[in-house]
C-alpha atoms as a PDB file:
ATOM      1  CA  MET A   1      -5.168  10.315 -15.449  1.00  0.00           C
ATOM      2  CA  ILE A   2      -3.343   8.198 -12.260  1.00  0.00           C
ATOM      3  CA  THR A   3       0.003   9.357 -12.648  1.00  0.00           C
ATOM      4  CA  TRP A   4       1.639   7.522  -9.708  1.00  0.00           C
ATOM      5  CA  ALA A   5       0.462   5.541  -6.428  1.00  0.00           C
ATOM      6  CA  HIS A   6       1.506   6.189  -2.761  1.00  0.00           C
ATOM      7  CA  VAL A   7       1.304   3.785  -0.011  1.00  0.00           C
ATOM      8  CA  ILE A   8       0.385   5.927   3.455  1.00  0.00           C
ATOM      9  CA  LEU A   9      -0.163   4.122   6.718  1.00  0.00           C
ATOM     10  CA  ASP A  10      -2.221   5.322   9.271  1.00  0.00           C
ATOM     11  CA  LEU A  11      -0.787   5.130  12.556  1.00  0.00           C
ATOM     12  CA  PRO A  12      -2.852   6.184  15.704  1.00  0.00           C
ATOM     13  CA  GLU A  13      -0.438   8.206  18.085  1.00  0.00           C
ATOM     14  CA  ALA A  14      -0.026   5.531  20.657  1.00  0.00           C
ATOM     15  CA  ALA A  15       2.222   3.279  17.513  1.00  0.00           C
ATOM     16  CA  ARG A  16       4.317   5.890  16.146  1.00  0.00           C
ATOM     17  CA  SER A  17       6.973   5.383  18.567  1.00  0.00           C
ATOM     18  CA  ALA A  18       7.274   1.607  17.400  1.00  0.00           C
ATOM     19  CA  ASP A  19       6.087   1.918  13.923  1.00  0.00           C
ATOM     20  CA  GLU A  20       8.057   4.854  12.645  1.00  0.00           C
ATOM     21  CA  PRO A  21      11.643   3.579  13.186  1.00  0.00           C
ATOM     22  CA  PHE A  22      10.873   0.092  12.110  1.00  0.00           C
ATOM     23  CA  TRP A  23       9.233   1.127   8.781  1.00  0.00           C
ATOM     24  CA  SER A  24      12.138   3.287   8.427  1.00  0.00           C
ATOM     25  CA  SER A  25      14.582   0.550   8.560  1.00  0.00           C
ATOM     26  CA  VAL A  26      12.313  -1.850   6.472  1.00  0.00           C
ATOM     27  CA  PHE A  27      12.542   1.038   3.728  1.00  0.00           C
ATOM     28  CA  GLY A  28      15.958   1.709   4.397  1.00  0.00           C
ATOM     29  CA  GLY A  29      15.698   5.445   5.060  1.00  0.00           C
ATOM     30  CA  SER A  30      14.492   7.732   7.400  1.00  0.00           C
ATOM     31  CA  LEU A  31      11.387   9.777   8.470  1.00  0.00           C
ATOM     32  CA  ALA A  32      10.920  13.422   7.096  1.00  0.00           C
ATOM     33  CA  ASP A  33      10.291  16.238   9.052  1.00  0.00           C
ATOM     34  CA  PRO A  34       6.243  16.691   9.076  1.00  0.00           C
ATOM     35  CA  TRP A  35       4.646  18.650   5.802  1.00  0.00           C
ATOM     36  CA  ASP A  36       3.894  22.132   5.354  1.00  0.00           C
ATOM     37  CA  GLY A  37       1.134  22.377   6.557  1.00  0.00           C
ATOM     38  CA  HIS A  38      -0.199  19.166   7.495  1.00  0.00           C
ATOM     39  CA  PRO A  39       1.706  18.119  10.727  1.00  0.00           C
ATOM     40  CA  GLU A  40      -0.005  14.744  10.810  1.00  0.00           C
ATOM     41  CA  LEU A  41       1.856  13.890   7.382  1.00  0.00           C
ATOM     42  CA  ALA A  42       5.496  13.086   7.244  1.00  0.00           C
ATOM     43  CA  SER A  43       7.408  10.903   4.308  1.00  0.00           C
ATOM     44  CA  PHE A  44       9.534   7.892   4.189  1.00  0.00           C
ATOM     45  CA  LEU A  45      12.437   9.405   2.667  1.00  0.00           C
ATOM     46  CA  PRO A  46      14.204   6.225   0.455  1.00  0.00           C
ATOM     47  CA  PRO A  47      18.076   6.175   0.127  1.00  0.00           C
ATOM     48  CA  ALA A  48      17.538   6.948  -3.844  1.00  0.00           C
ATOM     49  CA  GLY A  49      14.750   7.899  -5.938  1.00  0.00           C
ATOM     50  CA  ASP A  50      11.461   9.706  -4.937  1.00  0.00           C
ATOM     51  CA  ARG A  51       8.790   9.331  -2.025  1.00  0.00           C
ATOM     52  CA  SER A  52       6.410   6.684  -2.193  1.00  0.00           C
ATOM     53  CA  VAL A  53       5.546   5.869   1.352  1.00  0.00           C
ATOM     54  CA  HIS A  54       4.531   8.026   4.050  1.00  0.00           C
ATOM     55  CA  ARG A  55       3.018   8.327   7.604  1.00  0.00           C
ATOM     56  CA  GLN A  56      -0.277   9.730   8.668  1.00  0.00           C
ATOM     57  CA  LEU A  57      -1.356  10.312  12.350  1.00  0.00           C
ATOM     58  CA  VAL A  58      -4.589   9.235  12.691  1.00  0.00           C
ATOM     59  CA  GLY A  59      -6.722   9.142  15.990  1.00  0.00           C
ATOM     60  CA  ASP A  60      -7.737   6.070  17.904  1.00  0.00           C
ATOM     61  CA  GLY A  61      -7.912   2.497  16.571  1.00  0.00           C
ATOM     62  CA  PRO A  62      -5.895   0.201  14.591  1.00  0.00           C
ATOM     63  CA  PRO A  63      -3.019   1.172  12.377  1.00  0.00           C
ATOM     64  CA  ARG A  64      -4.152   0.875   8.886  1.00  0.00           C
ATOM     65  CA  VAL A  65      -2.932   1.299   4.819  1.00  0.00           C
ATOM     66  CA  HIS A  66      -4.623   3.556   2.251  1.00  0.00           C
ATOM     67  CA  LEU A  67      -3.627   4.410  -1.100  1.00  0.00           C
ATOM     68  CA  ASP A  68      -2.968   7.497  -2.697  1.00  0.00           C
ATOM     69  CA  LEU A  69      -3.558   7.760  -6.309  1.00  0.00           C
ATOM     70  CA  GLU A  70      -2.103  11.035  -7.976  1.00  0.00           C
ATOM     71  CA  VAL A  71      -3.528  12.790 -11.110  1.00  0.00           C
ATOM     72  CA  ASP A  72      -3.699  15.420 -13.145  1.00  0.00           C
ATOM     73  CA  ASP A  73      -7.091  16.663 -12.868  1.00  0.00           C
ATOM     74  CA  LEU A  74      -8.467  16.477  -9.465  1.00  0.00           C
ATOM     75  CA  GLN A  75     -12.072  17.592 -10.297  1.00  0.00           C
ATOM     76  CA  ALA A  76     -12.652  15.346 -12.995  1.00  0.00           C
ATOM     77  CA  GLU A  77     -11.161  12.039 -11.669  1.00  0.00           C
ATOM     78  CA  THR A  78     -13.160  12.590  -8.738  1.00  0.00           C
ATOM     79  CA  GLU A  79     -16.266  12.885 -10.676  1.00  0.00           C
ATOM     80  CA  ARG A  80     -15.259   9.989 -13.307  1.00  0.00           C
ATOM     81  CA  LEU A  81     -14.811   7.434  -9.972  1.00  0.00           C
ATOM     82  CA  ARG A  82     -18.363   8.953  -8.493  1.00  0.00           C
ATOM     83  CA  LEU A  83     -19.532   7.773 -12.004  1.00  0.00           C
ATOM     84  CA  LEU A  84     -17.915   4.119 -11.451  1.00  0.00           C
ATOM     85  CA  GLY A  85     -19.551   3.828  -7.864  1.00  0.00           C
ATOM     86  CA  ALA A  86     -16.759   5.685  -5.320  1.00  0.00           C
ATOM     87  CA  THR A  87     -18.117   8.007  -2.772  1.00  0.00           C
ATOM     88  CA  PRO A  88     -15.881  11.143  -2.250  1.00  0.00           C
ATOM     89  CA  GLY A  89     -15.647  12.325   1.141  1.00  0.00           C
ATOM     90  CA  ARG A  90     -13.460  14.849   2.896  1.00  0.00           C
ATOM     91  CA  ARG A  91     -11.941  17.582   0.267  1.00  0.00           C
ATOM     92  CA  VAL A  92      -8.540  19.514   1.052  1.00  0.00           C
ATOM     93  CA  GLY A  93      -9.031  22.357  -1.428  1.00  0.00           C
ATOM     94  CA  GLU A  94      -7.570  21.990  -4.468  1.00  0.00           C
ATOM     95  CA  GLU A  95      -4.948  19.421  -2.865  1.00  0.00           C
ATOM     96  CA  TRP A  96      -6.591  16.207  -2.392  1.00  0.00           C
ATOM     97  CA  VAL A  97     -10.359  14.602  -1.983  1.00  0.00           C
ATOM     98  CA  THR A  98     -10.941  11.114   0.266  1.00  0.00           C
ATOM     99  CA  LEU A  99     -12.899   8.799  -1.411  1.00  0.00           C
ATOM    100  CA  SER A 100     -14.203   4.870  -0.549  1.00  0.00           C
ATOM    101  CA  SER A 101     -15.021   1.869  -2.409  1.00  0.00           C
ATOM    102  CA  PRO A 102     -18.181   0.112  -3.496  1.00  0.00           C
ATOM    103  CA  GLY A 103     -16.471  -2.200  -0.580  1.00  0.00           C
ATOM    104  CA  GLY A 104     -15.600   0.161   1.727  1.00  0.00           C
ATOM    105  CA  ALA A 105     -11.959   0.740   1.022  1.00  0.00           C
ATOM    106  CA  VAL A 106     -10.980   4.542   1.677  1.00  0.00           C
ATOM    107  CA  PHE A 107      -8.357   5.970  -0.560  1.00  0.00           C
ATOM    108  CA  CYS A 108      -7.748   9.133  -1.721  1.00  0.00           C
ATOM    109  CA  LEU A 109      -6.818  11.571  -5.073  1.00  0.00           C
ATOM    110  CA  VAL A 110      -4.174  14.008  -4.922  1.00  0.00           C
ATOM    111  CA  ILE A 111      -2.424  16.222  -6.969  1.00  0.00           C
ATOM    112  CA  GLY A 112       1.166  15.669  -7.805  1.00  0.00           C
ATOM    113  CA  PRO A 113       4.032  16.518  -9.875  1.00  0.00           C
ATOM    114  CA  ALA A 114       4.056  15.189 -13.372  1.00  0.00           C
ATOM    115  CA  SER A 115       6.990  12.474 -13.259  1.00  0.00           C
ATOM    116  CA  GLN A 116       8.920  10.704 -10.749  1.00  0.00           C
ATOM    117  CA  ASP A 117      11.980   8.351  -9.845  1.00  0.00           C
ATOM    118  CA  ARG A 118      10.875   4.981  -8.101  1.00  0.00           C
ATOM    119  CA  PRO A 119      13.263   3.915  -4.890  1.00  0.00           C
ATOM    120  CA  PRO A 120      15.334   1.259  -5.629  1.00  0.00           C
ATOM    121  CA  PRO A 121      15.215  -2.002  -3.723  1.00  0.00           C
ATOM    122  CA  VAL A 122      17.017  -1.979  -0.048  1.00  0.00           C
ATOM    123  CA  VAL A 123      20.122  -4.530  -0.051  1.00  0.00           C
ATOM    124  CA  GLY A 124      20.098  -6.209   3.569  1.00  0.00           C
ATOM    125  CA  ALA A 125      21.605  -8.850   5.245  1.00  0.00           C
ATOM    126  CA  GLY A 126      23.819 -10.654   3.396  1.00  0.00           C
ATOM    127  CA  GLY A 127      23.451  -8.491   0.311  1.00  0.00           C
ATOM    128  CA  VAL A 128      19.212  -9.733   0.200  1.00  0.00           C
ATOM    129  CA  ARG A 129      17.202  -7.207  -1.757  1.00  0.00           C
ATOM    130  CA  ARG A 130      14.045  -6.317  -0.421  1.00  0.00           C
ATOM    131  CA  ARG A 131      11.371  -3.583  -1.687  1.00  0.00           C
ATOM    132  CA  LEU A 132       7.740  -2.814  -1.115  1.00  0.00           C
ATOM    133  CA  VAL A 133       6.232  -4.218  -4.323  1.00  0.00           C
ATOM    134  CA  GLN A 134       2.221  -3.721  -4.218  1.00  0.00           C
ATOM    135  CA  VAL A 135      -0.659  -3.395  -2.085  1.00  0.00           C
ATOM    136  CA  CYS A 136      -3.006  -6.150  -1.564  1.00  0.00           C
ATOM    137  CA  LEU A 137      -6.773  -5.027  -1.332  1.00  0.00           C
ATOM    138  CA  ASP A 138      -8.173  -7.964   1.098  1.00  0.00           C
ATOM    139  CA  ILE A 139     -11.941  -8.333  -0.408  1.00  0.00           C
ATOM    140  CA  PRO A 140     -14.734  -9.877   1.890  1.00  0.00           C
ATOM    141  CA  PRO A 141     -16.706 -12.929   0.375  1.00  0.00           C
ATOM    142  CA  GLY A 142     -19.353 -11.790  -1.930  1.00  0.00           C
ATOM    143  CA  ARG A 143     -17.952  -8.163  -3.134  1.00  0.00           C
ATOM    144  CA  SER A 144     -14.969  -9.695  -5.193  1.00  0.00           C
ATOM    145  CA  HIS A 145     -16.701  -9.347  -8.306  1.00  0.00           C
ATOM    146  CA  GLU A 146     -18.211  -5.628  -7.691  1.00  0.00           C
ATOM    147  CA  GLU A 147     -14.451  -4.280  -5.924  1.00  0.00           C
ATOM    148  CA  ALA A 148     -12.701  -6.062  -9.135  1.00  0.00           C
ATOM    149  CA  ALA A 149     -14.587  -4.302 -11.674  1.00  0.00           C
ATOM    150  CA  PHE A 150     -14.072  -1.485  -9.789  1.00  0.00           C
ATOM    151  CA  TRP A 151     -10.552  -1.209  -9.487  1.00  0.00           C
ATOM    152  CA  ARG A 152     -10.000  -2.499 -13.264  1.00  0.00           C
ATOM    153  CA  SER A 153     -11.959   0.676 -14.279  1.00  0.00           C
ATOM    154  CA  VAL A 154     -10.241   3.135 -11.777  1.00  0.00           C
ATOM    155  CA  VAL A 155      -6.885   2.184 -12.376  1.00  0.00           C
ATOM    156  CA  PRO A 156      -5.580   2.120 -15.881  1.00  0.00           C
ATOM    157  CA  TRP A 157      -3.080  -0.829 -15.458  1.00  0.00           C
ATOM    158  CA  ARG A 158      -2.417  -4.476 -17.276  1.00  0.00           C
ATOM    159  CA  TRP A 159      -4.482  -6.249 -15.595  1.00  0.00           C
ATOM    160  CA  GLU A 160      -2.630  -9.795 -14.840  1.00  0.00           C
ATOM    161  CA  GLU A 161      -4.604 -13.279 -13.657  1.00  0.00           C
ATOM    162  CA  VAL A 162      -3.359 -15.248 -10.999  1.00  0.00           C
ATOM    163  CA  GLN A 163      -2.591 -19.047 -10.572  1.00  0.00           C
ATOM    164  CA  ASP A 164      -4.403 -18.947  -7.512  1.00  0.00           C
ATOM    165  CA  PRO A 165      -7.967 -19.367  -6.600  1.00  0.00           C
ATOM    166  CA  GLU A 166      -7.940 -16.745  -3.452  1.00  0.00           C
ATOM    167  CA  PHE A 167      -6.547 -14.029  -5.853  1.00  0.00           C
ATOM    168  CA  LEU A 168      -8.746 -12.625  -8.047  1.00  0.00           C
ATOM    169  CA  GLY A 169      -5.527 -10.744  -9.963  1.00  0.00           C
ATOM    170  CA  ARG A 170      -2.965  -7.938 -10.050  1.00  0.00           C
ATOM    171  CA  LEU A 171      -2.778  -4.808 -11.476  1.00  0.00           C
ATOM    172  CA  VAL A 172       0.320  -4.420 -12.974  1.00  0.00           C
ATOM    173  CA  PRO A 173       1.718  -0.411 -14.108  1.00  0.00           C
ATOM    174  CA  PRO A 174       4.102   0.620 -16.082  1.00  0.00           C
ATOM    175  CA  PRO A 175       7.409  -0.263 -15.733  1.00  0.00           C
ATOM    176  CA  GLY A 176       9.255   2.303 -13.224  1.00  0.00           C
ATOM    177  CA  ALA A 177       6.066   2.608 -11.233  1.00  0.00           C
ATOM    178  CA  PRO A 178       6.549   2.247  -7.596  1.00  0.00           C
ATOM    179  CA  LEU A 179       3.645  -0.460  -6.839  1.00  0.00           C
ATOM    180  CA  GLN A 180       1.375  -2.965  -8.521  1.00  0.00           C
ATOM    181  CA  LEU A 181      -2.476  -3.728  -7.103  1.00  0.00           C
ATOM    182  CA  LEU A 182      -3.365  -6.950  -6.092  1.00  0.00           C
ATOM    183  CA  LEU A 183      -6.528  -8.061  -5.240  1.00  0.00           C
ATOM    184  CA  GLN A 184      -7.563 -11.004  -2.566  1.00  0.00           C
ATOM    185  CA  GLU A 185     -10.696 -12.494  -2.108  1.00  0.00           C
ATOM    186  CA  LEU A 186     -10.896 -13.667   1.868  1.00  0.00           C
ATOM    187  CA  GLY A 187     -12.197 -16.532   3.241  1.00  0.00           C
ATOM    188  CA  PRO A 188     -15.916 -17.000   4.697  1.00  0.00           C
ATOM    189  CA  ASP A 189     -14.483 -17.306   8.217  1.00  0.00           C
ATOM    190  CA  ASP A 190     -12.381 -14.134   8.149  1.00  0.00           C
ATOM    191  CA  GLY A 191     -15.596 -12.033   9.338  1.00  0.00           C
ATOM    192  CA  GLY A 192     -14.441  -8.615   8.059  1.00  0.00           C
ATOM    193  CA  ALA A 193     -16.883  -6.461   6.669  1.00  0.00           C
ATOM    194  CA  THR A 194     -15.626  -3.893   4.348  1.00  0.00           C
ATOM    195  CA  VAL A 195     -12.099  -4.198   2.087  1.00  0.00           C
ATOM    196  CA  ARG A 196      -9.361  -3.576   4.065  1.00  0.00           C
ATOM    197  CA  ALA A 197      -5.169  -3.162   2.493  1.00  0.00           C
ATOM    198  CA  HIS A 198      -2.046  -4.800   3.462  1.00  0.00           C
ATOM    199  CA  LEU A 199       2.051  -4.744   2.692  1.00  0.00           C
ATOM    200  CA  ASP A 200       3.849  -6.555   0.408  1.00  0.00           C
ATOM    201  CA  VAL A 201       7.496  -6.870   0.461  1.00  0.00           C
ATOM    202  CA  GLY A 202       9.019  -8.501  -2.298  1.00  0.00           C
ATOM    203  CA  SER A 203      12.470  -9.643  -1.371  1.00  0.00           C
ATOM    204  CA  ASP A 204      15.234 -12.174  -3.713  1.00  0.00           C
ATOM    205  CA  ASP A 205      15.099 -14.339  -0.138  1.00  0.00           C
ATOM    206  CA  ARG A 206      11.818 -14.411   1.457  1.00  0.00           C
ATOM    207  CA  GLU A 207      13.092 -16.268   4.356  1.00  0.00           C
ATOM    208  CA  ALA A 208      16.130 -14.380   4.673  1.00  0.00           C
ATOM    209  CA  THR A 209      14.280 -11.301   4.628  1.00  0.00           C
ATOM    210  CA  ALA A 210      11.421 -12.264   7.027  1.00  0.00           C
ATOM    211  CA  THR A 211      14.116 -13.489   9.365  1.00  0.00           C
ATOM    212  CA  GLU A 212      15.402 -10.248   9.221  1.00  0.00           C
ATOM    213  CA  LEU A 213      12.670  -7.815   9.822  1.00  0.00           C
ATOM    214  CA  VAL A 214      11.921 -10.041  13.040  1.00  0.00           C
ATOM    215  CA  GLY A 215      15.151  -9.144  14.267  1.00  0.00           C
ATOM    216  CA  LEU A 216      13.832  -5.097  13.590  1.00  0.00           C
ATOM    217  CA  GLY A 217      10.574  -5.496  15.795  1.00  0.00           C
ATOM    218  CA  ALA A 218       8.193  -8.001  13.311  1.00  0.00           C
ATOM    219  CA  LEU A 219       6.180 -10.825  15.032  1.00  0.00           C
ATOM    220  CA  ARG A 220       6.182 -14.153  12.486  1.00  0.00           C
ATOM    221  CA  LEU A 221       2.500 -15.153  12.382  1.00  0.00           C
ATOM    222  CA  GLY A 222       2.603 -17.761   9.857  1.00  0.00           C
ATOM    223  CA  GLU A 223       3.445 -18.769   6.083  1.00  0.00           C
ATOM    224  CA  GLY A 224       2.270 -19.805   2.756  1.00  0.00           C
ATOM    225  CA  ASP A 225       3.035 -20.975  -0.291  1.00  0.00           C
ATOM    226  CA  GLY A 226       5.430 -17.721  -1.817  1.00  0.00           C
ATOM    227  CA  TRP A 227       4.736 -15.580   1.522  1.00  0.00           C
ATOM    228  CA  VAL A 228       5.398 -15.283   5.100  1.00  0.00           C
ATOM    229  CA  LEU A 229       2.862 -13.449   7.313  1.00  0.00           C
ATOM    230  CA  LEU A 230       4.407 -10.959   9.497  1.00  0.00           C
ATOM    231  CA  GLN A 231       3.201  -7.983  12.010  1.00  0.00           C
ATOM    232  CA  ASP A 232       4.588  -4.912  12.505  1.00  0.00           C
ATOM    233  CA  PRO A 233       5.540  -3.666  16.155  1.00  0.00           C
ATOM    234  CA  ALA A 234       2.073  -1.868  16.472  1.00  0.00           C
ATOM    235  CA  GLY A 235      -0.021  -4.862  15.083  1.00  0.00           C
ATOM    236  CA  MET A 236      -0.677  -4.526  11.371  1.00  0.00           C
ATOM    237  CA  ALA A 237      -0.058  -7.435   9.591  1.00  0.00           C
ATOM    238  CA  PHE A 238       2.032  -7.704   6.525  1.00  0.00           C
ATOM    239  CA  CYS A 239       3.362 -10.550   3.828  1.00  0.00           C
ATOM    240  CA  VAL A 240       6.833 -11.065   3.188  1.00  0.00           C
ATOM    241  CA  THR A 241       6.567 -12.791  -0.806  1.00  0.00           C
ATOM    242  CA  ALA A 242       9.264 -13.866  -3.811  1.00  0.00           C
ATOM    243  CA  HIS A 243       7.781 -11.266  -5.745  1.00  0.00           C
ATOM    244  CA  PRO A 244      11.420  -9.868  -7.355  1.00  0.00           C
ATOM    245  CA  PRO A 245      12.053  -6.191  -5.914  1.00  0.00           C
ATOM    246  CA  ASP A 246      12.506  -4.888  -9.496  1.00  0.00           C
ATOM    247  CA  ARG A 247       9.006  -5.811 -10.605  1.00  0.00           C
ATOM    248  CA  PRO A 248       7.060  -3.716 -11.642  1.00  0.00           C
END
């Protein structure tokens, strides 16, 4: 059973000096000391509530995002997901196991505490609130049916249709969970071969929040119906959306 979802920012060493202070400001807290026994990992400390976003130092390559899903039985959940089509990878004792979805999205199963307290929204300039509300899985054309079926079986949350043809739908967790999962089908001109992920920051006023994050070091790339596309200082794309920061 999946009990909590974490976001991991995989940062190459060259990106940490720019991205660590930027994301600390976005999340309204600070970066804690590295984990005992795992110096590559550190958690972003929110002003209140429990940790749900973490930084992992990786080798060369662009910065990226992956999910860690907390479970109560690592072996049983690993086997369940394998039967659903996941490919198991590296295992670290009884702490966590890395897997990949049928479309190549890397994620982890981890053992964690039984309950968590979701961090509240961050209050930014002018009293505008923001919070990391969802992870969006960007799925290449031709993989959407298989990938959506996989994630709907993996994550036992409520499936919600989205009134936009480029979005397949979203998985909405029970109240109090830190984030939801949005599934998006990429256009044929994207060129990507595997599923990747990006962060969506929900805001009371997306334009005000986008402007504030540009002031913190983000680059504005464009906008669409309900979202503003930004790039963090290390070159990783993310969005500011009109999704209320109190939900899910």
